[in-house]
Amino acid sequence: MSGPILIVEDDAALVRTLVRNLEARGYATRSASTTGEAIRALGEGRPRLLLLDIDLPDAPGWDVVRELHRRGWSSTPVIVVSALRPNPRLVSELQCTSVLEKPFPMESLVRLVRAQLSDGVSLS
């Protein structure tokens, strides 16, 4: 899969940091600051990986994962990145691959991304 990493996060400073760090490592990225924007972004193609904040201003981030499943993209890795401890039942039910609680060291996130994508470099 060669799509970008979709970053769904409403903290603009964190988005800039994530984009800068991931793109410096060769990953293509897209970002959305609301659940609605993220679902519209899915209309442009399947992301390679989803970095998801679950506490978004318009609707829970879980709705983005549900939309992935509705589109038949349940194999897309989902890393939940949140200051809130996510509901373990939802993490399991929605097949999220990892949870990273904010604040986190950037290298921890990069290790998770590499592990999920296994080749370490985007083809885009």
PDB file of N, CA and C in Angstrom:
ATOM      1  N   MET A   1       0.844  -1.168   0.000  1.00  0.00           N
ATOM      2  CA  MET A   1       0.000   0.000   0.000  1.00  0.00           C
ATOM      3  C   MET A   1       0.891   1.232   0.000  1.00  0.00           C
ATOM      4  N   SER A   2       0.621   2.174  -0.880  1.00  0.00           N
ATOM      5  CA  SER A   2       1.536   3.301  -1.012  1.00  0.00           C
ATOM      6  C   SER A   2       0.909   4.640  -0.662  1.00  0.00           C
ATOM      7  N   GLY A   3      -0.275   4.663  -0.056  1.00  0.00           N
ATOM      8  CA  GLY A   3      -0.905   5.920   0.322  1.00  0.00           C
ATOM      9  C   GLY A   3      -0.132   6.604   1.436  1.00  0.00           C
ATOM     10  N   PRO A   4      -0.535   7.836   1.741  1.00  0.00           N
ATOM     11  CA  PRO A   4       0.133   8.562   2.824  1.00  0.00           C
ATOM     12  C   PRO A   4      -0.326   8.083   4.195  1.00  0.00           C
ATOM     13  N   ILE A   5       0.411   8.481   5.201  1.00  0.00           N
ATOM     14  CA  ILE A   5      -0.034   8.321   6.581  1.00  0.00           C
ATOM     15  C   ILE A   5      -1.032   9.442   6.820  1.00  0.00           C
ATOM     16  N   LEU A   6      -2.218   9.104   7.297  1.00  0.00           N
ATOM     17  CA  LEU A   6      -3.223  10.114   7.622  1.00  0.00           C
ATOM     18  C   LEU A   6      -3.135  10.411   9.113  1.00  0.00           C
ATOM     19  N   ILE A   7      -2.815  11.661   9.420  1.00  0.00           N
ATOM     20  CA  ILE A   7      -2.704  12.134  10.803  1.00  0.00           C
ATOM     21  C   ILE A   7      -3.993  12.859  11.138  1.00  0.00           C
ATOM     22  N   VAL A   8      -4.726  12.341  12.101  1.00  0.00           N
ATOM     23  CA  VAL A   8      -5.987  12.958  12.521  1.00  0.00           C
ATOM     24  C   VAL A   8      -5.759  13.499  13.928  1.00  0.00           C
ATOM     25  N   GLU A   9      -5.572  14.811  14.016  1.00  0.00           N
ATOM     26  CA  GLU A   9      -5.161  15.462  15.265  1.00  0.00           C
ATOM     27  C   GLU A   9      -5.592  16.920  15.198  1.00  0.00           C
ATOM     28  N   ASP A  10      -6.184  17.441  16.284  1.00  0.00           N
ATOM     29  CA  ASP A  10      -6.646  18.824  16.285  1.00  0.00           C
ATOM     30  C   ASP A  10      -5.644  19.812  16.880  1.00  0.00           C
ATOM     31  N   ASP A  11      -4.524  19.344  17.407  1.00  0.00           N
ATOM     32  CA  ASP A  11      -3.483  20.226  17.930  1.00  0.00           C
ATOM     33  C   ASP A  11      -2.518  20.553  16.782  1.00  0.00           C
ATOM     34  N   ALA A  12      -2.622  21.780  16.262  1.00  0.00           N
ATOM     35  CA  ALA A  12      -1.846  22.172  15.077  1.00  0.00           C
ATOM     36  C   ALA A  12      -0.337  22.058  15.306  1.00  0.00           C
ATOM     37  N   ALA A  13       0.128  22.399  16.484  1.00  0.00           N
ATOM     38  CA  ALA A  13       1.566  22.305  16.765  1.00  0.00           C
ATOM     39  C   ALA A  13       2.033  20.851  16.726  1.00  0.00           C
ATOM     40  N   LEU A  14       1.232  19.950  17.281  1.00  0.00           N
ATOM     41  CA  LEU A  14       1.596  18.531  17.246  1.00  0.00           C
ATOM     42  C   LEU A  14       1.561  18.006  15.813  1.00  0.00           C
ATOM     43  N   VAL A  15       0.586  18.432  15.036  1.00  0.00           N
ATOM     44  CA  VAL A  15       0.519  18.006  13.622  1.00  0.00           C
ATOM     45  C   VAL A  15       1.790  18.425  12.899  1.00  0.00           C
ATOM     46  N   ARG A  16       2.210  19.687  13.078  1.00  0.00           N
ATOM     47  CA  ARG A  16       3.444  20.160  12.415  1.00  0.00           C
ATOM     48  C   ARG A  16       4.642  19.308  12.823  1.00  0.00           C
ATOM     49  N   THR A  17       4.733  18.974  14.115  1.00  0.00           N
ATOM     50  CA  THR A  17       5.841  18.154  14.608  1.00  0.00           C
ATOM     51  C   THR A  17       5.798  16.755  14.003  1.00  0.00           C
ATOM     52  N   LEU A  18       4.610  16.154  13.968  1.00  0.00           N
ATOM     53  CA  LEU A  18       4.473  14.811  13.400  1.00  0.00           C
ATOM     54  C   LEU A  18       4.810  14.808  11.916  1.00  0.00           C
ATOM     55  N   VAL A  19       4.269  15.767  11.183  1.00  0.00           N
ATOM     56  CA  VAL A  19       4.537  15.841   9.739  1.00  0.00           C
ATOM     57  C   VAL A  19       6.030  16.007   9.492  1.00  0.00           C
ATOM     58  N   ARG A  20       6.648  16.933  10.188  1.00  0.00           N
ATOM     59  CA  ARG A  20       8.083  17.191   9.993  1.00  0.00           C
ATOM     60  C   ARG A  20       8.906  15.932  10.269  1.00  0.00           C
ATOM     61  N   ASN A  21       8.616  15.258  11.366  1.00  0.00           N
ATOM     62  CA  ASN A  21       9.395  14.072  11.740  1.00  0.00           C
ATOM     63  C   ASN A  21       9.145  12.894  10.806  1.00  0.00           C
ATOM     64  N   LEU A  22       7.907  12.665  10.428  1.00  0.00           N
ATOM     65  CA  LEU A  22       7.609  11.530   9.547  1.00  0.00           C
ATOM     66  C   LEU A  22       8.119  11.778   8.132  1.00  0.00           C
ATOM     67  N   GLU A  23       7.922  12.984   7.622  1.00  0.00           N
ATOM     68  CA  GLU A  23       8.403  13.276   6.265  1.00  0.00           C
ATOM     69  C   GLU A  23       9.918  13.265   6.197  1.00  0.00           C
ATOM     70  N   ALA A  24      10.591  13.668   7.275  1.00  0.00           N
ATOM     71  CA  ALA A  24      12.064  13.606   7.305  1.00  0.00           C
ATOM     72  C   ALA A  24      12.557  12.159   7.199  1.00  0.00           C
ATOM     73  N   ARG A  25      11.688  11.217   7.563  1.00  0.00           N
ATOM     74  CA  ARG A  25      12.035   9.797   7.483  1.00  0.00           C
ATOM     75  C   ARG A  25      11.491   9.138   6.223  1.00  0.00           C
ATOM     76  N   GLY A  26      11.000   9.945   5.295  1.00  0.00           N
ATOM     77  CA  GLY A  26      10.594   9.424   3.991  1.00  0.00           C
ATOM     78  C   GLY A  26       9.128   9.058   3.844  1.00  0.00           C
ATOM     79  N   TYR A  27       8.301   9.351   4.848  1.00  0.00           N
ATOM     80  CA  TYR A  27       6.876   9.027   4.764  1.00  0.00           C
ATOM     81  C   TYR A  27       6.080  10.184   4.188  1.00  0.00           C
ATOM     82  N   ALA A  28       5.149   9.878   3.315  1.00  0.00           N
ATOM     83  CA  ALA A  28       4.197  10.880   2.840  1.00  0.00           C
ATOM     84  C   ALA A  28       3.104  11.004   3.904  1.00  0.00           C
ATOM     85  N   THR A  29       2.614  12.214   4.126  1.00  0.00           N
ATOM     86  CA  THR A  29       1.580  12.429   5.140  1.00  0.00           C
ATOM     87  C   THR A  29       0.461  13.300   4.601  1.00  0.00           C
ATOM     88  N   ARG A  30      -0.690  13.161   5.225  1.00  0.00           N
ATOM     89  CA  ARG A  30      -1.826  14.061   5.067  1.00  0.00           C
ATOM     90  C   ARG A  30      -2.331  14.291   6.475  1.00  0.00           C
ATOM     91  N   SER A  31      -3.042  15.390   6.680  1.00  0.00           N
ATOM     92  CA  SER A  31      -3.567  15.616   8.015  1.00  0.00           C
ATOM     93  C   SER A  31      -4.998  16.131   7.961  1.00  0.00           C
ATOM     94  N   ALA A  32      -5.695  15.880   9.038  1.00  0.00           N
ATOM     95  CA  ALA A  32      -7.056  16.343   9.222  1.00  0.00           C
ATOM     96  C   ALA A  32      -7.203  16.724  10.691  1.00  0.00           C
ATOM     97  N   SER A  33      -7.934  17.804  10.957  1.00  0.00           N
ATOM     98  CA  SER A  33      -8.072  18.256  12.343  1.00  0.00           C
ATOM     99  C   SER A  33      -9.430  17.911  12.951  1.00  0.00           C
ATOM    100  N   THR A  34     -10.317  17.345  12.153  1.00  0.00           N
ATOM    101  CA  THR A  34     -11.626  16.923  12.663  1.00  0.00           C
ATOM    102  C   THR A  34     -11.972  15.553  12.095  1.00  0.00           C
ATOM    103  N   THR A  35     -12.951  14.934  12.703  1.00  0.00           N
ATOM    104  CA  THR A  35     -13.430  13.650  12.202  1.00  0.00           C
ATOM    105  C   THR A  35     -13.995  13.809  10.794  1.00  0.00           C
ATOM    106  N   GLY A  36     -14.759  14.870  10.578  1.00  0.00           N
ATOM    107  CA  GLY A  36     -15.330  15.120   9.254  1.00  0.00           C
ATOM    108  C   GLY A  36     -14.265  15.272   8.185  1.00  0.00           C
ATOM    109  N   GLU A  37     -13.208  16.044   8.475  1.00  0.00           N
ATOM    110  CA  GLU A  37     -12.105  16.207   7.514  1.00  0.00           C
ATOM    111  C   GLU A  37     -11.436  14.866   7.238  1.00  0.00           C
ATOM    112  N   ALA A  38     -11.267  14.069   8.271  1.00  0.00           N
ATOM    113  CA  ALA A  38     -10.611  12.769   8.095  1.00  0.00           C
ATOM    114  C   ALA A  38     -11.450  11.846   7.216  1.00  0.00           C
ATOM    115  N   ILE A  39     -12.742  11.849   7.417  1.00  0.00           N
ATOM    116  CA  ILE A  39     -13.613  10.997   6.597  1.00  0.00           C
ATOM    117  C   ILE A  39     -13.604  11.485   5.150  1.00  0.00           C
ATOM    118  N   ARG A  40     -13.578  12.799   4.947  1.00  0.00           N
ATOM    119  CA  ARG A  40     -13.458  13.326   3.569  1.00  0.00           C
ATOM    120  C   ARG A  40     -12.125  12.916   2.953  1.00  0.00           C
ATOM    121  N   ALA A  41     -11.054  12.926   3.749  1.00  0.00           N
ATOM    122  CA  ALA A  41      -9.738  12.512   3.250  1.00  0.00           C
ATOM    123  C   ALA A  41      -9.755  11.049   2.821  1.00  0.00           C
ATOM    124  N   LEU A  42     -10.533  10.225   3.509  1.00  0.00           N
ATOM    125  CA  LEU A  42     -10.639   8.823   3.109  1.00  0.00           C
ATOM    126  C   LEU A  42     -11.264   8.698   1.721  1.00  0.00           C
ATOM    127  N   GLY A  43     -12.075   9.667   1.347  1.00  0.00           N
ATOM    128  CA  GLY A  43     -12.666   9.666   0.018  1.00  0.00           C
ATOM    129  C   GLY A  43     -11.644   9.855  -1.085  1.00  0.00           C
ATOM    130  N   GLU A  44     -10.463  10.339  -0.732  1.00  0.00           N
ATOM    131  CA  GLU A  44      -9.379  10.545  -1.701  1.00  0.00           C
ATOM    132  C   GLU A  44      -8.460   9.339  -1.807  1.00  0.00           C
ATOM    133  N   GLY A  45      -8.713   8.324  -1.016  1.00  0.00           N
ATOM    134  CA  GLY A  45      -7.911   7.108  -1.104  1.00  0.00           C
ATOM    135  C   GLY A  45      -7.562   6.545   0.253  1.00  0.00           C
ATOM    136  N   ARG A  46      -7.201   5.291   0.220  1.00  0.00           N
ATOM    137  CA  ARG A  46      -6.863   4.554   1.439  1.00  0.00           C
ATOM    138  C   ARG A  46      -5.520   5.020   1.991  1.00  0.00           C
ATOM    139  N   PRO A  47      -5.477   5.383   3.272  1.00  0.00           N
ATOM    140  CA  PRO A  47      -4.181   5.745   3.859  1.00  0.00           C
ATOM    141  C   PRO A  47      -3.344   4.502   4.123  1.00  0.00           C
ATOM    142  N   ARG A  48      -2.076   4.700   4.166  1.00  0.00           N
ATOM    143  CA  ARG A  48      -1.155   3.598   4.470  1.00  0.00           C
ATOM    144  C   ARG A  48      -1.230   3.228   5.942  1.00  0.00           C
ATOM    145  N   LEU A  49      -1.470   4.246   6.773  1.00  0.00           N
ATOM    146  CA  LEU A  49      -1.548   4.083   8.216  1.00  0.00           C
ATOM    147  C   LEU A  49      -2.355   5.262   8.737  1.00  0.00           C
ATOM    148  N   LEU A  50      -3.054   5.068   9.836  1.00  0.00           N
ATOM    149  CA  LEU A  50      -3.838   6.127  10.458  1.00  0.00           C
ATOM    150  C   LEU A  50      -3.279   6.411  11.840  1.00  0.00           C
ATOM    151  N   LEU A  51      -2.880   7.678  12.079  1.00  0.00           N
ATOM    152  CA  LEU A  51      -2.513   8.140  13.419  1.00  0.00           C
ATOM    153  C   LEU A  51      -3.722   8.907  13.917  1.00  0.00           C
ATOM    154  N   LEU A  52      -4.333   8.465  14.983  1.00  0.00           N
ATOM    155  CA  LEU A  52      -5.649   8.951  15.359  1.00  0.00           C
ATOM    156  C   LEU A  52      -5.737   9.461  16.783  1.00  0.00           C
ATOM    157  N   ASP A  53      -6.111  10.734  16.911  1.00  0.00           N
ATOM    158  CA  ASP A  53      -6.532  11.282  18.192  1.00  0.00           C
ATOM    159  C   ASP A  53      -8.009  10.944  18.318  1.00  0.00           C
ATOM    160  N   ILE A  54      -8.453  10.512  19.479  1.00  0.00           N
ATOM    161  CA  ILE A  54      -9.860  10.134  19.612  1.00  0.00           C
ATOM    162  C   ILE A  54     -10.730  11.264  20.150  1.00  0.00           C
ATOM    163  N   ASP A  55     -10.121  12.294  20.717  1.00  0.00           N
ATOM    164  CA  ASP A  55     -10.872  13.421  21.270  1.00  0.00           C
ATOM    165  C   ASP A  55     -10.790  14.587  20.291  1.00  0.00           C
ATOM    166  N   LEU A  56     -11.721  14.616  19.355  1.00  0.00           N
ATOM    167  CA  LEU A  56     -11.732  15.627  18.306  1.00  0.00           C
ATOM    168  C   LEU A  56     -12.925  16.557  18.491  1.00  0.00           C
ATOM    169  N   PRO A  57     -12.870  17.759  17.918  1.00  0.00           N
ATOM    170  CA  PRO A  57     -13.907  18.754  18.210  1.00  0.00           C
ATOM    171  C   PRO A  57     -15.306  18.436  17.673  1.00  0.00           C
ATOM    172  N   ASP A  58     -15.427  17.682  16.611  1.00  0.00           N
ATOM    173  CA  ASP A  58     -16.750  17.487  16.008  1.00  0.00           C
ATOM    174  C   ASP A  58     -17.386  16.131  16.307  1.00  0.00           C
ATOM    175  N   ALA A  59     -16.592  15.112  16.472  1.00  0.00           N
ATOM    176  CA  ALA A  59     -17.103  13.758  16.731  1.00  0.00           C
ATOM    177  C   ALA A  59     -15.927  12.903  17.198  1.00  0.00           C
ATOM    178  N   PRO A  60     -16.207  11.784  17.854  1.00  0.00           N
ATOM    179  CA  PRO A  60     -15.105  10.928  18.314  1.00  0.00           C
ATOM    180  C   PRO A  60     -14.284  10.401  17.135  1.00  0.00           C
ATOM    181  N   GLY A  61     -12.986  10.319  17.337  1.00  0.00           N
ATOM    182  CA  GLY A  61     -12.107   9.769  16.310  1.00  0.00           C
ATOM    183  C   GLY A  61     -12.451   8.334  15.942  1.00  0.00           C
ATOM    184  N   TRP A  62     -13.119   7.629  16.841  1.00  0.00           N
ATOM    185  CA  TRP A  62     -13.528   6.255  16.550  1.00  0.00           C
ATOM    186  C   TRP A  62     -14.347   6.186  15.270  1.00  0.00           C
ATOM    187  N   ASP A  63     -15.073   7.262  14.957  1.00  0.00           N
ATOM    188  CA  ASP A  63     -15.894   7.268  13.744  1.00  0.00           C
ATOM    189  C   ASP A  63     -15.041   7.138  12.482  1.00  0.00           C
ATOM    190  N   VAL A  64     -13.803   7.618  12.537  1.00  0.00           N
ATOM    191  CA  VAL A  64     -12.897   7.487  11.391  1.00  0.00           C
ATOM    192  C   VAL A  64     -12.543   6.011  11.183  1.00  0.00           C
ATOM    193  N   VAL A  65     -12.288   5.310  12.280  1.00  0.00           N
ATOM    194  CA  VAL A  65     -11.962   3.885  12.178  1.00  0.00           C
ATOM    195  C   VAL A  65     -13.178   3.108  11.668  1.00  0.00           C
ATOM    196  N   ARG A  66     -14.344   3.468  12.155  1.00  0.00           N
ATOM    197  CA  ARG A  66     -15.558   2.808  11.662  1.00  0.00           C
ATOM    198  C   ARG A  66     -15.719   3.007  10.158  1.00  0.00           C
ATOM    199  N   GLU A  67     -15.380   4.203   9.677  1.00  0.00           N
ATOM    200  CA  GLU A  67     -15.467   4.476   8.234  1.00  0.00           C
ATOM    201  C   GLU A  67     -14.436   3.646   7.461  1.00  0.00           C
ATOM    202  N   LEU A  68     -13.244   3.475   8.019  1.00  0.00           N
ATOM    203  CA  LEU A  68     -12.249   2.592   7.390  1.00  0.00           C
ATOM    204  C   LEU A  68     -12.843   1.196   7.204  1.00  0.00           C
ATOM    205  N   HIS A  69     -13.456   0.692   8.248  1.00  0.00           N
ATOM    206  CA  HIS A  69     -14.055  -0.647   8.196  1.00  0.00           C
ATOM    207  C   HIS A  69     -15.196  -0.691   7.180  1.00  0.00           C
ATOM    208  N   ARG A  70     -16.028   0.342   7.168  1.00  0.00           N
ATOM    209  CA  ARG A  70     -17.148   0.389   6.230  1.00  0.00           C
ATOM    210  C   ARG A  70     -16.661   0.316   4.784  1.00  0.00           C
ATOM    211  N   ARG A  71     -15.509   0.913   4.531  1.00  0.00           N
ATOM    212  CA  ARG A  71     -14.938   0.904   3.183  1.00  0.00           C
ATOM    213  C   ARG A  71     -14.181  -0.391   2.876  1.00  0.00           C
ATOM    214  N   GLY A  72     -14.093  -1.298   3.821  1.00  0.00           N
ATOM    215  CA  GLY A  72     -13.384  -2.555   3.600  1.00  0.00           C
ATOM    216  C   GLY A  72     -11.888  -2.440   3.821  1.00  0.00           C
ATOM    217  N   TRP A  73     -11.457  -1.415   4.529  1.00  0.00           N
ATOM    218  CA  TRP A  73     -10.035  -1.168   4.754  1.00  0.00           C
ATOM    219  C   TRP A  73      -9.628  -1.497   6.186  1.00  0.00           C
ATOM    220  N   SER A  74     -10.201  -2.511   6.759  1.00  0.00           N
ATOM    221  CA  SER A  74      -9.924  -2.824   8.165  1.00  0.00           C
ATOM    222  C   SER A  74      -8.484  -3.274   8.403  1.00  0.00           C
ATOM    223  N   SER A  75      -7.761  -3.616   7.346  1.00  0.00           N
ATOM    224  CA  SER A  75      -6.359  -4.010   7.529  1.00  0.00           C
ATOM    225  C   SER A  75      -5.421  -2.802   7.620  1.00  0.00           C
ATOM    226  N   THR A  76      -5.938  -1.595   7.439  1.00  0.00           N
ATOM    227  CA  THR A  76      -5.116  -0.390   7.596  1.00  0.00           C
ATOM    228  C   THR A  76      -4.706  -0.269   9.058  1.00  0.00           C
ATOM    229  N   PRO A  77      -3.405  -0.189   9.342  1.00  0.00           N
ATOM    230  CA  PRO A  77      -2.980  -0.060  10.736  1.00  0.00           C
ATOM    231  C   PRO A  77      -3.473   1.256  11.342  1.00  0.00           C
ATOM    232  N   VAL A  78      -3.912   1.197  12.594  1.00  0.00           N
ATOM    233  CA  VAL A  78      -4.394   2.374  13.321  1.00  0.00           C
ATOM    234  C   VAL A  78      -3.616   2.488  14.620  1.00  0.00           C
ATOM    235  N   ILE A  79      -2.925   3.616  14.777  1.00  0.00           N
ATOM    236  CA  ILE A  79      -2.236   3.924  16.021  1.00  0.00           C
ATOM    237  C   ILE A  79      -3.024   5.036  16.695  1.00  0.00           C
ATOM    238  N   VAL A  80      -3.602   4.743  17.849  1.00  0.00           N
ATOM    239  CA  VAL A  80      -4.342   5.745  18.613  1.00  0.00           C
ATOM    240  C   VAL A  80      -3.332   6.557  19.404  1.00  0.00           C
ATOM    241  N   VAL A  81      -3.373   7.881  19.214  1.00  0.00           N
ATOM    242  CA  VAL A  81      -2.474   8.800  19.894  1.00  0.00           C
ATOM    243  C   VAL A  81      -3.364   9.775  20.662  1.00  0.00           C
ATOM    244  N   SER A  82      -3.412   9.633  21.984  1.00  0.00           N
ATOM    245  CA  SER A  82      -4.375  10.414  22.742  1.00  0.00           C
ATOM    246  C   SER A  82      -3.895  10.713  24.147  1.00  0.00           C
ATOM    247  N   ALA A  83      -4.318  11.854  24.662  1.00  0.00           N
ATOM    248  CA  ALA A  83      -4.056  12.197  26.059  1.00  0.00           C
ATOM    249  C   ALA A  83      -5.024  11.459  26.970  1.00  0.00           C
ATOM    250  N   LEU A  84      -6.144  11.041  26.413  1.00  0.00           N
ATOM    251  CA  LEU A  84      -7.134  10.281  27.164  1.00  0.00           C
ATOM    252  C   LEU A  84      -6.830   8.796  27.041  1.00  0.00           C
ATOM    253  N   ARG A  85      -7.011   8.079  28.114  1.00  0.00           N
ATOM    254  CA  ARG A  85      -6.827   6.626  28.039  1.00  0.00           C
ATOM    255  C   ARG A  85      -8.013   6.053  27.257  1.00  0.00           C
ATOM    256  N   PRO A  86      -7.744   5.467  26.103  1.00  0.00           N
ATOM    257  CA  PRO A  86      -8.852   4.961  25.289  1.00  0.00           C
ATOM    258  C   PRO A  86      -9.515   3.735  25.903  1.00  0.00           C
ATOM    259  N   ASN A  87     -10.769   3.582  25.599  1.00  0.00           N
ATOM    260  CA  ASN A  87     -11.544   2.452  26.056  1.00  0.00           C
ATOM    261  C   ASN A  87     -10.946   1.172  25.452  1.00  0.00           C
ATOM    262  N   PRO A  88     -10.439   0.259  26.277  1.00  0.00           N
ATOM    263  CA  PRO A  88      -9.800  -0.953  25.741  1.00  0.00           C
ATOM    264  C   PRO A  88     -10.748  -1.796  24.884  1.00  0.00           C
ATOM    265  N   ARG A  89     -12.025  -1.797  25.222  1.00  0.00           N
ATOM    266  CA  ARG A  89     -13.001  -2.548  24.430  1.00  0.00           C
ATOM    267  C   ARG A  89     -13.076  -1.997  23.013  1.00  0.00           C
ATOM    268  N   LEU A  90     -13.098  -0.654  22.871  1.00  0.00           N
ATOM    269  CA  LEU A  90     -13.146  -0.061  21.536  1.00  0.00           C
ATOM    270  C   LEU A  90     -11.845  -0.288  20.773  1.00  0.00           C
ATOM    271  N   VAL A  91     -10.722  -0.201  21.468  1.00  0.00           N
ATOM    272  CA  VAL A  91      -9.429  -0.457  20.826  1.00  0.00           C
ATOM    273  C   VAL A  91      -9.434  -1.853  20.216  1.00  0.00           C
ATOM    274  N   SER A  92      -9.907  -2.827  20.970  1.00  0.00           N
ATOM    275  CA  SER A  92      -9.953  -4.207  20.501  1.00  0.00           C
ATOM    276  C   SER A  92     -11.016  -4.396  19.420  1.00  0.00           C
ATOM    277  N   GLU A  93     -12.214  -3.906  19.680  1.00  0.00           N
ATOM    278  CA  GLU A  93     -13.330  -4.071  18.736  1.00  0.00           C
ATOM    279  C   GLU A  93     -13.023  -3.456  17.374  1.00  0.00           C
ATOM    280  N   LEU A  94     -12.362  -2.290  17.383  1.00  0.00           N
ATOM    281  CA  LEU A  94     -12.057  -1.597  16.128  1.00  0.00           C
ATOM    282  C   LEU A  94     -10.691  -1.992  15.571  1.00  0.00           C
ATOM    283  N   GLN A  95     -10.060  -2.979  16.171  1.00  0.00           N
ATOM    284  CA  GLN A  95      -8.811  -3.563  15.686  1.00  0.00           C
ATOM    285  C   GLN A  95      -7.684  -2.547  15.551  1.00  0.00           C
ATOM    286  N   CYS A  96      -7.597  -1.625  16.512  1.00  0.00           N
ATOM    287  CA  CYS A  96      -6.486  -0.668  16.513  1.00  0.00           C
ATOM    288  C   CYS A  96      -5.212  -1.436  16.857  1.00  0.00           C
ATOM    289  N   THR A  97      -4.136  -1.104  16.170  1.00  0.00           N
ATOM    290  CA  THR A  97      -2.913  -1.888  16.322  1.00  0.00           C
ATOM    291  C   THR A  97      -2.061  -1.464  17.511  1.00  0.00           C
ATOM    292  N   SER A  98      -2.139  -0.170  17.887  1.00  0.00           N
ATOM    293  CA  SER A  98      -1.308   0.332  18.983  1.00  0.00           C
ATOM    294  C   SER A  98      -1.989   1.533  19.625  1.00  0.00           C
ATOM    295  N   VAL A  99      -1.590   1.802  20.865  1.00  0.00           N
ATOM    296  CA  VAL A  99      -2.041   2.989  21.582  1.00  0.00           C
ATOM    297  C   VAL A  99      -0.801   3.675  22.136  1.00  0.00           C
ATOM    298  N   LEU A 100      -0.716   4.986  21.919  1.00  0.00           N
ATOM    299  CA  LEU A 100       0.398   5.777  22.430  1.00  0.00           C
ATOM    300  C   LEU A 100      -0.202   6.971  23.162  1.00  0.00           C
ATOM    301  N   GLU A 101       0.055   7.046  24.470  1.00  0.00           N
ATOM    302  CA  GLU A 101      -0.516   8.132  25.257  1.00  0.00           C
ATOM    303  C   GLU A 101       0.362   9.372  25.190  1.00  0.00           C
ATOM    304  N   LYS A 102      -0.291  10.525  25.015  1.00  0.00           N
ATOM    305  CA  LYS A 102       0.405  11.818  24.995  1.00  0.00           C
ATOM    306  C   LYS A 102       0.709  12.216  26.431  1.00  0.00           C
ATOM    307  N   PRO A 103       1.812  12.903  26.643  1.00  0.00           N
ATOM    308  CA  PRO A 103       2.886  13.176  25.681  1.00  0.00           C
ATOM    309  C   PRO A 103       3.746  11.928  25.501  1.00  0.00           C
ATOM    310  N   PHE A 104       4.397  11.848  24.362  1.00  0.00           N
ATOM    311  CA  PHE A 104       5.203  10.675  24.054  1.00  0.00           C
ATOM    312  C   PHE A 104       6.495  11.125  23.377  1.00  0.00           C
ATOM    313  N   PRO A 105       7.559  10.338  23.525  1.00  0.00           N
ATOM    314  CA  PRO A 105       8.796  10.636  22.794  1.00  0.00           C
ATOM    315  C   PRO A 105       8.584  10.336  21.305  1.00  0.00           C
ATOM    316  N   MET A 106       9.050  11.204  20.453  1.00  0.00           N
ATOM    317  CA  MET A 106       8.878  11.030  19.013  1.00  0.00           C
ATOM    318  C   MET A 106       9.452   9.696  18.542  1.00  0.00           C
ATOM    319  N   GLU A 107      10.544   9.265  19.109  1.00  0.00           N
ATOM    320  CA  GLU A 107      11.132   7.991  18.689  1.00  0.00           C
ATOM    321  C   GLU A 107      10.208   6.809  18.983  1.00  0.00           C
ATOM    322  N   SER A 108       9.401   6.914  20.040  1.00  0.00           N
ATOM    323  CA  SER A 108       8.423   5.852  20.316  1.00  0.00           C
ATOM    324  C   SER A 108       7.407   5.768  19.194  1.00  0.00           C
ATOM    325  N   LEU A 109       6.945   6.917  18.735  1.00  0.00           N
ATOM    326  CA  LEU A 109       5.991   6.924  17.623  1.00  0.00           C
ATOM    327  C   LEU A 109       6.644   6.388  16.350  1.00  0.00           C
ATOM    328  N   VAL A 110       7.846   6.836  16.065  1.00  0.00           N
ATOM    329  CA  VAL A 110       8.541   6.391  14.851  1.00  0.00           C
ATOM    330  C   VAL A 110       8.743   4.873  14.881  1.00  0.00           C
ATOM    331  N   ARG A 111       9.098   4.310  16.023  1.00  0.00           N
ATOM    332  CA  ARG A 111       9.247   2.857  16.138  1.00  0.00           C
ATOM    333  C   ARG A 111       7.929   2.146  15.846  1.00  0.00           C
ATOM    334  N   LEU A 112       6.826   2.675  16.373  1.00  0.00           N
ATOM    335  CA  LEU A 112       5.515   2.072  16.110  1.00  0.00           C
ATOM    336  C   LEU A 112       5.156   2.141  14.629  1.00  0.00           C
ATOM    337  N   VAL A 113       5.402   3.293  14.018  1.00  0.00           N
ATOM    338  CA  VAL A 113       5.107   3.452  12.588  1.00  0.00           C
ATOM    339  C   VAL A 113       5.932   2.462  11.780  1.00  0.00           C
ATOM    340  N   ARG A 114       7.216   2.396  12.051  1.00  0.00           N
ATOM    341  CA  ARG A 114       8.078   1.454  11.319  1.00  0.00           C
ATOM    342  C   ARG A 114       7.618   0.011  11.503  1.00  0.00           C
ATOM    343  N   ALA A 115       7.239  -0.323  12.722  1.00  0.00           N
ATOM    344  CA  ALA A 115       6.793  -1.694  12.992  1.00  0.00           C
ATOM    345  C   ALA A 115       5.513  -1.998  12.220  1.00  0.00           C
ATOM    346  N   GLN A 116       4.611  -1.044  12.139  1.00  0.00           N
ATOM    347  CA  GLN A 116       3.355  -1.272  11.433  1.00  0.00           C
ATOM    348  C   GLN A 116       3.549  -1.344   9.922  1.00  0.00           C
ATOM    349  N   LEU A 117       4.466  -0.552   9.409  1.00  0.00           N
ATOM    350  CA  LEU A 117       4.670  -0.511   7.960  1.00  0.00           C
ATOM    351  C   LEU A 117       5.785  -1.435   7.514  1.00  0.00           C
ATOM    352  N   SER A 118       6.562  -1.928   8.407  1.00  0.00           N
ATOM    353  CA  SER A 118       7.623  -2.914   8.234  1.00  0.00           C
ATOM    354  C   SER A 118       8.743  -2.576   7.268  1.00  0.00           C
ATOM    355  N   ASP A 119       8.508  -1.760   6.244  1.00  0.00           N
ATOM    356  CA  ASP A 119       9.627  -1.439   5.348  1.00  0.00           C
ATOM    357  C   ASP A 119      10.255  -0.099   5.692  1.00  0.00           C
ATOM    358  N   GLY A 120       9.566   0.713   6.516  1.00  0.00           N
ATOM    359  CA  GLY A 120      10.166   1.940   6.995  1.00  0.00           C
ATOM    360  C   GLY A 120      10.148   3.106   6.042  1.00  0.00           C
ATOM    361  N   VAL A 121       9.786   2.953   4.789  1.00  0.00           N
ATOM    362  CA  VAL A 121       9.806   4.073   3.852  1.00  0.00           C
ATOM    363  C   VAL A 121       8.550   4.032   2.986  1.00  0.00           C
ATOM    364  N   SER A 122       7.963   5.203   2.806  1.00  0.00           N
ATOM    365  CA  SER A 122       6.776   5.307   1.958  1.00  0.00           C
ATOM    366  C   SER A 122       7.169   5.201   0.492  1.00  0.00           C
ATOM    367  N   LEU A 123       6.293   4.634  -0.321  1.00  0.00           N
ATOM    368  CA  LEU A 123       6.543   4.542  -1.743  1.00  0.00           C
ATOM    369  C   LEU A 123       6.046   5.769  -2.501  1.00  0.00           C
ATOM    370  N   SER A 124       5.360   6.670  -1.809  1.00  0.00           N
ATOM    371  CA  SER A 124       4.819   7.859  -2.473  1.00  0.00           C
ATOM    372  C   SER A 124       5.880   8.922  -2.643  1.00  0.00           C
TER     373      SER A 124
END
